[in-house]
């Protein structure tokens, strides 16, 4: 598709999906440049240093990086039509390539396992990659979060490269429907709930994806019922089985462990369960920022939809302790679409001794219509009988008792993980 040595420009290269594509292209011998609005705003994300160490050249997002010799502009669905780089690409007749198109090209080099679902896919992708690595299969892994086993100052940890013909374990995305670009040999659908789309549309999307799986489709709890009476489904259906005991917090990780073990067995690792504990977790998935033995505990989590929020809260509700949750909505449209379900997720899981702090909606630019805000959600949670407070900004000071746990949650905003670590450092 893109020959080694060709110039490729990656727009929005700071994003976890986009920086993975930049890593793949750079490893394949392409000359890669990348731009990001955070870089233009003066926000130096940690991933930028790692990308530069891998040979990616970072440039302003103004279109000047594109030249008549540029082979492709790689972007995601989030890049607006009037972005200067898209305008420049049209002017120079440079083809646009969606990130999923590039990933599908790479993943076709070997046996392909695609991990899909509205919750749990990032953890399952990384976990399966580590288990296959432990089982000697030398997998290629492309994930939506940095795997702690592989993350270093010089490597984001969301990409592991083995031999090209080795198994490819990839996370595929339903939010922009780009999972339909993949025709995997084996797939997992972890769960099907309303998130980026209505439940009806989400079910239809995953039913179409199921038809594209060639050999084996593993179904998480409740998934199989949505695939009934699906003409043309040729993949053998497998249930994940009963939850497995795991070293990771949360009942949901027992289900993830069962899914990973089933997939690993299908990939040829018969003793998969003995390798499960080798997995150290994924960044921002109930990641503990406080050193072992220190209190209060501070956790960082990517949870942004109702199902993930409820699971994260339940995982950290220790008997006799109090939980404080600081959450930031990651966009106006997701908050508006899931408003009632989000309010219920907080109100139905928070105990009387727990509390939620809701920040304003994160806005990074673009044309999204505004309107509903974090303060509206805080009031809705209060109306349902739970403790919730609207914040105008991150707290400048934070006092936590030893029996308290702070859970910092949300997507997109790079300040969230920074804040969690700043708070944790004050108690270390």
Protein backbone atom coordinates (compact mmCIF):
# COMPACT_ATOMS: atom_id res chain seq x y z
CA UNK A 1 0.00 0.00 0.00
CA UNK A 2 2.69 2.49 1.09
CA UNK A 3 6.21 1.51 0.02
CA UNK A 4 9.09 1.65 2.53
CA UNK A 5 10.92 4.96 2.33
CA UNK A 6 7.81 6.89 1.30
CA UNK A 7 6.76 10.00 3.22
CA UNK A 8 3.58 9.57 5.23
CA UNK A 9 2.01 12.25 7.40
CA UNK A 10 -0.08 11.29 10.45
CA UNK A 11 -2.59 13.88 11.64
CA UNK A 12 -3.44 13.83 15.35
CA UNK A 13 -0.38 11.73 16.11
CA UNK A 14 -0.73 12.18 19.88
CA UNK A 15 -3.86 10.05 19.98
CA UNK A 16 -3.37 6.47 21.11
CA UNK A 17 -4.75 5.01 17.89
CA UNK A 18 -2.83 7.40 15.67
CA UNK A 19 0.53 7.09 17.41
CA UNK A 20 0.23 3.32 16.99
CA UNK A 21 -0.10 3.79 13.23
CA UNK A 22 2.92 6.12 13.24
CA UNK A 23 4.92 3.43 15.04
CA UNK A 24 3.91 0.77 12.51
CA UNK A 25 4.80 2.95 9.53
CA UNK A 26 8.14 4.00 11.03
CA UNK A 27 9.05 0.37 11.77
CA UNK A 28 8.15 -0.49 8.17
CA UNK A 29 10.74 1.96 6.87
CA UNK A 30 8.51 4.91 6.01
CA UNK A 31 9.56 8.50 6.61
CA UNK A 32 6.88 9.62 9.07
CA UNK A 33 5.89 13.12 10.11
CA UNK A 34 3.14 13.82 12.60
CA UNK A 35 1.14 16.75 13.90
CA UNK A 36 -1.23 17.27 16.80
CA UNK A 37 -3.33 20.13 18.12
CA UNK A 38 -1.98 19.57 21.62
CA UNK A 39 1.52 20.19 20.29
CA UNK A 40 0.35 23.41 18.65
CA UNK A 41 -1.26 24.48 21.95
CA UNK A 42 2.03 23.99 23.80
CA UNK A 43 1.01 20.77 25.58
CA UNK A 44 3.88 18.32 25.43
CA UNK A 45 2.36 14.87 25.81
CA UNK A 46 4.74 12.13 27.03
CA UNK A 47 4.14 10.14 23.85
CA UNK A 48 5.77 12.86 21.75
CA UNK A 49 9.22 12.08 23.16
CA UNK A 50 8.75 8.38 22.46
CA UNK A 51 7.65 9.05 18.88
CA UNK A 52 10.63 11.28 18.21
CA UNK A 53 12.92 8.56 19.60
CA UNK A 54 11.40 6.22 17.02
CA UNK A 55 12.20 8.66 14.21
CA UNK A 56 8.84 10.40 13.81
CA UNK A 57 9.31 14.10 13.02
CA UNK A 58 6.76 16.33 14.78
CA UNK A 59 5.54 19.42 12.93
CA UNK A 60 2.80 22.07 13.28
CA UNK A 61 -0.69 21.09 12.14
CA UNK A 62 -0.84 23.70 9.40
CA UNK A 63 -0.42 21.64 6.24
CA UNK A 64 3.17 22.61 5.45
CA UNK A 65 4.44 19.07 6.13
CA UNK A 66 2.59 17.80 3.06
CA UNK A 67 4.46 18.06 -0.24
CA UNK A 68 3.92 16.67 -3.74
CA UNK A 69 6.11 13.71 -2.68
CA UNK A 70 3.86 12.78 0.27
CA UNK A 71 2.40 9.31 -0.31
CA UNK A 72 -0.55 9.61 2.07
CA UNK A 73 -2.23 11.64 4.79
CA UNK A 74 -3.30 9.27 7.57
CA UNK A 75 -6.12 10.42 9.80
CA UNK A 76 -9.02 9.35 11.97
CA UNK A 77 -12.70 10.15 11.77
CA UNK A 78 -12.15 12.90 14.36
CA UNK A 79 -10.23 15.15 11.94
CA UNK A 80 -12.59 17.84 10.65
CA UNK A 81 -13.11 18.44 6.94
CA UNK A 82 -11.67 21.97 7.17
CA UNK A 83 -8.46 20.87 8.88
CA UNK A 84 -5.53 22.64 7.16
CA UNK A 85 -3.84 19.33 6.41
CA UNK A 86 -6.90 17.92 4.68
CA UNK A 87 -7.21 21.10 2.64
CA UNK A 88 -3.53 20.88 1.67
CA UNK A 89 -3.90 17.20 0.74
CA UNK A 90 -6.78 18.00 -1.58
CA UNK A 91 -4.79 20.80 -3.16
CA UNK A 92 -1.86 18.43 -3.87
CA UNK A 93 -4.06 15.42 -4.71
CA UNK A 94 -2.56 13.41 -1.83
CA UNK A 95 -4.72 10.40 -0.90
CA UNK A 96 -6.26 10.21 2.56
CA UNK A 97 -5.98 6.92 4.42
CA UNK A 98 -8.04 6.13 7.50
CA UNK A 99 -6.01 4.72 10.40
CA UNK A 100 -8.06 1.50 10.33
CA UNK A 101 -7.21 1.02 6.65
CA UNK A 102 -3.50 1.14 7.50
CA UNK A 103 -3.93 -1.19 10.46
CA UNK A 104 -5.92 -3.69 8.38
CA UNK A 105 -3.11 -3.71 5.81
CA UNK A 106 -0.49 -4.58 8.43
CA UNK A 107 -2.66 -7.11 10.28
CA UNK A 108 -3.29 -9.06 7.06
CA UNK A 109 0.34 -10.22 7.15
CA UNK A 110 -0.40 -13.01 9.64
CA UNK A 111 -3.23 -14.78 11.47
CA UNK A 112 -5.50 -12.05 12.80
CA UNK A 113 -7.45 -11.84 16.04
CA UNK A 114 -9.62 -8.74 16.42
CA UNK A 115 -10.90 -7.60 19.81
CA UNK A 116 -14.17 -5.66 19.67
CA UNK A 117 -16.90 -4.59 22.07
CA UNK A 118 -18.16 -1.52 23.87
CA UNK A 119 -16.18 -2.27 27.06
CA UNK A 120 -13.08 -4.25 27.95
CA UNK A 121 -11.47 -4.52 24.53
CA UNK A 122 -8.28 -2.61 25.38
CA UNK A 123 -7.59 -4.75 28.44
CA UNK A 124 -8.37 -7.98 26.58
CA UNK A 125 -6.15 -7.01 23.63
CA UNK A 126 -3.15 -6.30 25.84
CA UNK A 127 -3.79 -9.30 28.08
CA UNK A 128 -4.04 -11.69 25.13
CA UNK A 129 -0.84 -10.26 23.68
CA UNK A 130 1.07 -10.90 26.90
CA UNK A 131 -0.32 -14.45 27.23
CA UNK A 132 0.67 -15.29 23.64
CA UNK A 133 4.09 -13.78 24.26
CA UNK A 134 4.47 -15.98 27.35
CA UNK A 135 3.30 -18.94 25.26
CA UNK A 136 6.10 -18.38 22.74
CA UNK A 137 4.04 -17.15 19.78
CA UNK A 138 5.86 -13.79 19.34
CA UNK A 139 2.67 -11.83 18.57
CA UNK A 140 2.22 -8.47 16.90
CA UNK A 141 -0.07 -6.37 19.11
CA UNK A 142 -1.72 -3.02 18.37
CA UNK A 143 -3.76 -1.74 21.26
CA UNK A 144 -5.78 1.25 22.45
CA UNK A 145 -3.66 1.72 25.55
CA UNK A 146 -0.10 1.19 26.72
CA UNK A 147 0.49 -2.29 28.15
CA UNK A 148 2.49 -1.90 31.35
CA UNK A 149 4.58 -4.98 30.52
CA UNK A 150 5.95 -3.19 27.45
CA UNK A 151 5.71 0.50 28.33
CA UNK A 152 9.04 2.32 28.83
CA UNK A 153 10.12 5.97 28.53
CA UNK A 154 11.11 5.19 24.94
CA UNK A 155 8.12 3.02 24.01
CA UNK A 156 4.42 3.92 24.48
CA UNK A 157 3.63 0.23 25.06
CA UNK A 158 0.58 0.10 22.79
CA UNK A 159 2.47 -1.63 19.98
CA UNK A 160 4.48 -4.83 20.13
CA UNK A 161 6.05 -6.10 16.94
CA UNK A 162 7.03 -9.72 16.35
CA UNK A 163 7.67 -11.38 13.01
CA UNK A 164 5.24 -10.10 10.35
CA UNK A 165 3.82 -13.59 9.82
CA UNK A 166 3.26 -14.10 13.57
CA UNK A 167 -0.25 -13.65 15.00
CA UNK A 168 -1.69 -10.12 14.91
CA UNK A 169 -3.77 -9.12 17.94
CA UNK A 170 -5.58 -5.86 17.27
CA UNK A 171 -8.19 -3.71 18.96
CA UNK A 172 -10.91 -2.60 16.56
CA UNK A 173 -13.23 0.34 17.09
CA UNK A 174 -17.00 0.59 16.91
CA UNK A 175 -17.18 4.31 17.68
CA UNK A 176 -16.53 5.28 14.04
CA UNK A 177 -17.66 1.90 12.64
CA UNK A 178 -14.11 1.27 11.40
CA UNK A 179 -14.22 -2.31 12.76
CA UNK A 180 -16.04 -3.15 9.53
CA UNK A 181 -12.74 -2.74 7.68
CA UNK A 182 -11.50 -5.98 9.26
CA UNK A 183 -12.09 -9.63 8.29
CA UNK A 184 -10.32 -11.45 11.13
CA UNK A 185 -9.68 -15.16 11.46
CA UNK A 186 -10.75 -15.02 15.11
CA UNK A 187 -12.57 -12.31 17.04
CA UNK A 188 -13.90 -11.45 20.48
CA UNK A 189 -16.94 -9.27 21.11
CA UNK A 190 -16.69 -8.43 24.80
CA UNK A 191 -20.03 -6.66 25.26
CA UNK A 192 -22.74 -4.84 23.33
CA UNK A 193 -24.25 -1.77 24.98
CA UNK A 194 -25.27 1.71 23.88
CA UNK A 195 -22.28 4.05 23.84
CA UNK A 196 -21.31 5.98 20.72
CA UNK A 197 -24.49 4.84 18.96
CA UNK A 198 -27.98 3.80 20.00
CA UNK A 199 -28.37 0.22 21.18
CA UNK A 200 -30.26 -0.69 18.01
CA UNK A 201 -27.52 0.70 15.79
CA UNK A 202 -24.79 -0.86 17.95
CA UNK A 203 -26.38 -4.31 17.70
CA UNK A 204 -26.68 -3.95 13.91
CA UNK A 205 -23.02 -2.90 13.71
CA UNK A 206 -21.76 -5.89 15.66
CA UNK A 207 -24.01 -8.27 13.74
CA UNK A 208 -22.37 -7.09 10.53
CA UNK A 209 -18.92 -7.48 12.09
CA UNK A 210 -19.78 -11.02 13.19
CA UNK A 211 -20.49 -11.94 9.57
CA UNK A 212 -16.94 -10.91 8.65
CA UNK A 213 -15.24 -13.26 11.14
CA UNK A 214 -13.80 -16.26 9.29
CA UNK A 215 -13.32 -19.06 11.82
CA UNK A 216 -13.96 -18.41 15.53
CA UNK A 217 -16.02 -15.78 17.34
CA UNK A 218 -15.84 -15.63 21.14
CA UNK A 219 -18.86 -14.00 22.79
CA UNK A 220 -18.81 -12.13 26.08
CA UNK A 221 -21.79 -12.18 28.47
CA UNK A 222 -25.03 -11.34 26.66
CA UNK A 223 -23.42 -11.08 23.23
CA UNK A 224 -24.64 -14.36 21.75
CA UNK A 225 -28.31 -13.33 22.13
CA UNK A 226 -27.70 -10.40 19.76
CA UNK A 227 -26.29 -12.72 17.09
CA UNK A 228 -29.21 -15.14 16.96
CA UNK A 229 -30.82 -15.87 13.59
CA UNK A 230 -28.00 -14.23 11.68
CA UNK A 231 -28.01 -15.70 8.17
CA UNK A 232 -24.57 -16.26 6.74
CA UNK A 233 -22.70 -16.45 10.05
CA UNK A 234 -20.00 -19.07 9.41
CA UNK A 235 -17.71 -18.48 12.39
CA UNK A 236 -17.95 -21.00 15.21
CA UNK A 237 -19.43 -19.29 18.28
CA UNK A 238 -17.73 -19.76 21.64
CA UNK A 239 -18.79 -18.36 25.01
CA UNK A 240 -16.06 -17.02 27.28
CA UNK A 241 -17.03 -19.33 30.13
CA UNK A 242 -17.20 -18.63 33.84
CA UNK A 243 -15.16 -15.74 35.27
CA UNK A 244 -11.65 -16.72 36.30
CA UNK A 245 -9.86 -15.67 39.49
CA UNK A 246 -7.49 -12.83 38.67
CA UNK A 247 -4.89 -10.57 40.23
CA UNK A 248 -6.50 -7.46 38.74
CA UNK A 249 -9.22 -5.53 40.63
CA UNK A 250 -12.88 -5.69 39.64
CA UNK A 251 -15.36 -8.43 38.82
CA UNK A 252 -15.23 -7.39 35.18
CA UNK A 253 -11.59 -8.50 34.98
CA UNK A 254 -12.64 -12.04 35.89
CA UNK A 255 -14.75 -12.00 32.72
CA UNK A 256 -11.87 -10.49 30.75
CA UNK A 257 -9.57 -13.25 31.99
CA UNK A 258 -11.98 -15.95 30.84
CA UNK A 259 -12.21 -14.37 27.38
CA UNK A 260 -8.43 -14.08 27.07
CA UNK A 261 -7.90 -17.70 28.12
CA UNK A 262 -10.42 -18.91 25.52
CA UNK A 263 -8.81 -16.87 22.75
CA UNK A 264 -5.31 -18.01 23.72
CA UNK A 265 -6.40 -21.64 23.59
CA UNK A 266 -7.82 -21.08 20.10
CA UNK A 267 -4.49 -19.50 19.10
CA UNK A 268 -2.56 -22.57 20.23
CA UNK A 269 -1.60 -21.91 23.87
CA UNK A 270 -3.16 -24.87 25.73
CA UNK A 271 -1.88 -23.79 29.16
CA UNK A 272 -3.12 -20.21 28.79
CA UNK A 273 -4.49 -19.86 32.32
CA UNK A 274 -1.06 -20.28 33.88
CA UNK A 275 0.17 -17.24 31.95
CA UNK A 276 -2.66 -14.87 32.97
CA UNK A 277 -0.82 -13.46 36.00
CA UNK A 278 2.08 -12.29 33.81
CA UNK A 279 -0.12 -9.43 32.62
CA UNK A 280 0.57 -6.23 34.60
CA UNK A 281 -2.35 -4.27 33.19
CA UNK A 282 -2.93 -1.35 30.84
CA UNK A 283 -2.23 2.28 31.55
CA UNK A 284 -5.31 4.20 32.69
CA UNK A 285 -7.30 1.00 33.32
CA UNK A 286 -7.63 1.03 37.12
CA UNK A 287 -3.95 1.95 37.20
CA UNK A 288 -2.77 2.55 40.77
CA UNK A 289 -0.63 5.70 40.95
CA UNK A 290 0.28 5.32 44.63
CA UNK A 291 3.31 3.21 45.65
CA UNK A 292 2.50 -0.11 47.28
CA UNK A 293 1.71 0.25 50.97
CA UNK A 294 0.93 3.97 50.82
CA UNK A 295 -2.45 5.52 51.61
CA UNK A 296 -4.68 7.10 50.52
CA UNK A 297 -4.79 5.22 47.24
CA UNK A 298 -5.11 7.10 43.94
CA UNK A 299 -6.25 5.35 40.74
CA UNK A 300 -6.36 6.54 37.14
CA UNK A 301 -8.92 5.11 34.72
CA UNK A 302 -10.09 5.79 31.18
CA UNK A 303 -13.76 5.03 31.93
CA UNK A 304 -16.04 7.24 29.87
CA UNK A 305 -19.25 5.30 29.23
CA UNK A 306 -21.83 4.17 31.80
CA UNK A 307 -20.83 0.51 31.81
CA UNK A 308 -17.14 1.28 32.38
CA UNK A 309 -17.84 3.93 35.01
CA UNK A 310 -20.00 1.58 37.06
CA UNK A 311 -17.45 -1.24 36.80
CA UNK A 312 -14.57 0.99 37.91
CA UNK A 313 -16.48 2.37 40.89
CA UNK A 314 -17.53 -1.09 42.08
CA UNK A 315 -13.99 -2.40 41.73
CA UNK A 316 -12.62 0.15 44.21
CA UNK A 317 -15.39 0.24 46.82
CA UNK A 318 -13.55 -1.34 49.73
CA UNK A 319 -15.57 -2.21 52.86
CA UNK A 320 -15.03 0.43 55.52
CA UNK A 321 -13.46 2.88 53.08
CA UNK A 322 -14.70 5.91 51.21
CA UNK A 323 -14.43 6.53 47.48
CA UNK A 324 -14.11 9.93 45.81
CA UNK A 325 -14.58 9.93 42.04
CA UNK A 326 -13.40 12.81 39.87
CA UNK A 327 -14.79 12.48 36.35
CA UNK A 328 -14.63 14.60 33.23
CA UNK A 329 -17.05 14.16 30.32
CA UNK A 330 -14.98 13.72 27.18
CA UNK A 331 -17.34 15.45 24.74
CA UNK A 332 -20.63 17.29 24.44
CA UNK A 333 -22.24 14.73 22.13
CA UNK A 334 -21.42 11.66 24.28
CA UNK A 335 -22.67 13.46 27.41
CA UNK A 336 -25.91 14.46 25.74
CA UNK A 337 -26.54 11.05 24.16
CA UNK A 338 -25.83 9.03 27.33
CA UNK A 339 -26.98 11.60 29.91
CA UNK A 340 -29.58 9.51 31.75
CA UNK A 341 -27.45 6.36 31.68
CA UNK A 342 -24.44 8.28 33.00
CA UNK A 343 -26.47 9.77 35.85
CA UNK A 344 -27.75 6.30 36.72
CA UNK A 345 -24.26 4.77 36.53
CA UNK A 346 -23.04 7.14 39.23
CA UNK A 347 -26.17 7.24 41.38
CA UNK A 348 -26.76 3.49 41.37
CA UNK A 349 -23.18 2.58 42.32
CA UNK A 350 -22.07 5.32 44.72
CA UNK A 351 -22.66 4.46 48.38
CA UNK A 352 -23.80 7.10 50.93
CA UNK A 353 -20.19 7.53 52.07
CA UNK A 354 -18.90 8.04 48.49
CA UNK A 355 -18.92 11.21 46.40
CA UNK A 356 -18.52 12.30 42.79
CA UNK A 357 -16.86 15.46 41.51
CA UNK A 358 -17.85 16.33 37.95
CA UNK A 359 -15.63 18.58 35.84
CA UNK A 360 -16.75 20.62 32.81
CA UNK A 361 -16.87 18.88 29.43
CA UNK A 362 -13.44 18.55 27.84
CA UNK A 363 -13.31 20.55 24.63
CA UNK A 364 -10.27 20.33 22.36
CA UNK A 365 -11.69 22.31 19.46
CA UNK A 366 -13.80 21.33 16.50
CA UNK A 367 -17.39 21.93 15.51
CA UNK A 368 -19.25 19.90 18.14
CA UNK A 369 -22.43 21.68 19.32
CA UNK A 370 -22.24 22.63 22.98
CA UNK A 371 -25.11 23.04 25.43
CA UNK A 372 -25.29 20.39 28.14
CA UNK A 373 -22.48 20.55 30.71
CA UNK A 374 -20.86 18.68 33.57
CA UNK A 375 -22.81 20.73 36.09
CA UNK A 376 -26.06 19.42 34.59
CA UNK A 377 -24.88 15.87 35.17
CA UNK A 378 -23.89 16.65 38.77
CA UNK A 379 -27.41 17.94 39.44
CA UNK A 380 -28.95 14.85 37.85
CA UNK A 381 -26.84 12.60 40.09
CA UNK A 382 -27.90 14.65 43.13
CA UNK A 383 -31.55 14.37 42.10
CA UNK A 384 -31.14 10.59 42.14
CA UNK A 385 -29.95 10.72 45.76
CA UNK A 386 -26.15 10.42 45.45
CA UNK A 387 -23.42 12.84 46.54
CA UNK A 388 -22.20 14.86 43.55
CA UNK A 389 -20.55 18.25 43.16
CA UNK A 390 -19.86 20.26 40.01
CA UNK A 391 -16.33 21.67 39.76
CA UNK A 392 -15.25 24.55 37.57
CA UNK A 393 -11.68 23.21 37.30
CA UNK A 394 -9.29 20.73 38.85
CA UNK A 395 -8.91 21.24 42.64
CA UNK A 396 -5.77 23.20 43.54
CA UNK A 397 -5.47 21.39 46.86
CA UNK A 398 -6.87 18.06 47.89
CA UNK A 399 -7.12 16.60 51.38
CA UNK A 400 -7.76 12.88 51.57
CA UNK A 401 -8.02 10.74 54.69
CA UNK A 402 -6.12 7.42 54.88
CA UNK A 403 -9.37 5.48 54.44
CA UNK A 404 -10.26 7.34 51.24
CA UNK A 405 -9.59 6.27 47.66
CA UNK A 406 -9.48 8.76 44.81
CA UNK A 407 -10.53 7.53 41.37
CA UNK A 408 -9.71 9.92 38.52
CA UNK A 409 -11.67 8.96 35.41
CA UNK A 410 -12.30 10.13 31.88
CA UNK A 411 -11.05 10.08 28.29
CA UNK A 412 -9.23 12.49 25.95
CA UNK A 413 -8.10 15.10 28.47
CA UNK A 414 -4.31 14.62 29.02
CA UNK A 415 -4.57 16.51 32.32
CA UNK A 416 -6.49 13.62 33.94
CA UNK A 417 -3.55 11.18 34.29
CA UNK A 418 -1.22 14.05 35.17
CA UNK A 419 -3.56 15.18 37.95
CA UNK A 420 -3.85 11.64 39.35
CA UNK A 421 -0.09 11.35 39.56
CA UNK A 422 0.33 14.79 41.07
CA UNK A 423 -2.13 13.93 43.84
CA UNK A 424 -0.51 10.53 44.41
CA UNK A 425 2.93 12.14 44.74
CA UNK A 426 1.75 14.25 47.67
CA UNK A 427 0.98 11.10 49.64
CA UNK A 428 4.07 9.08 48.67
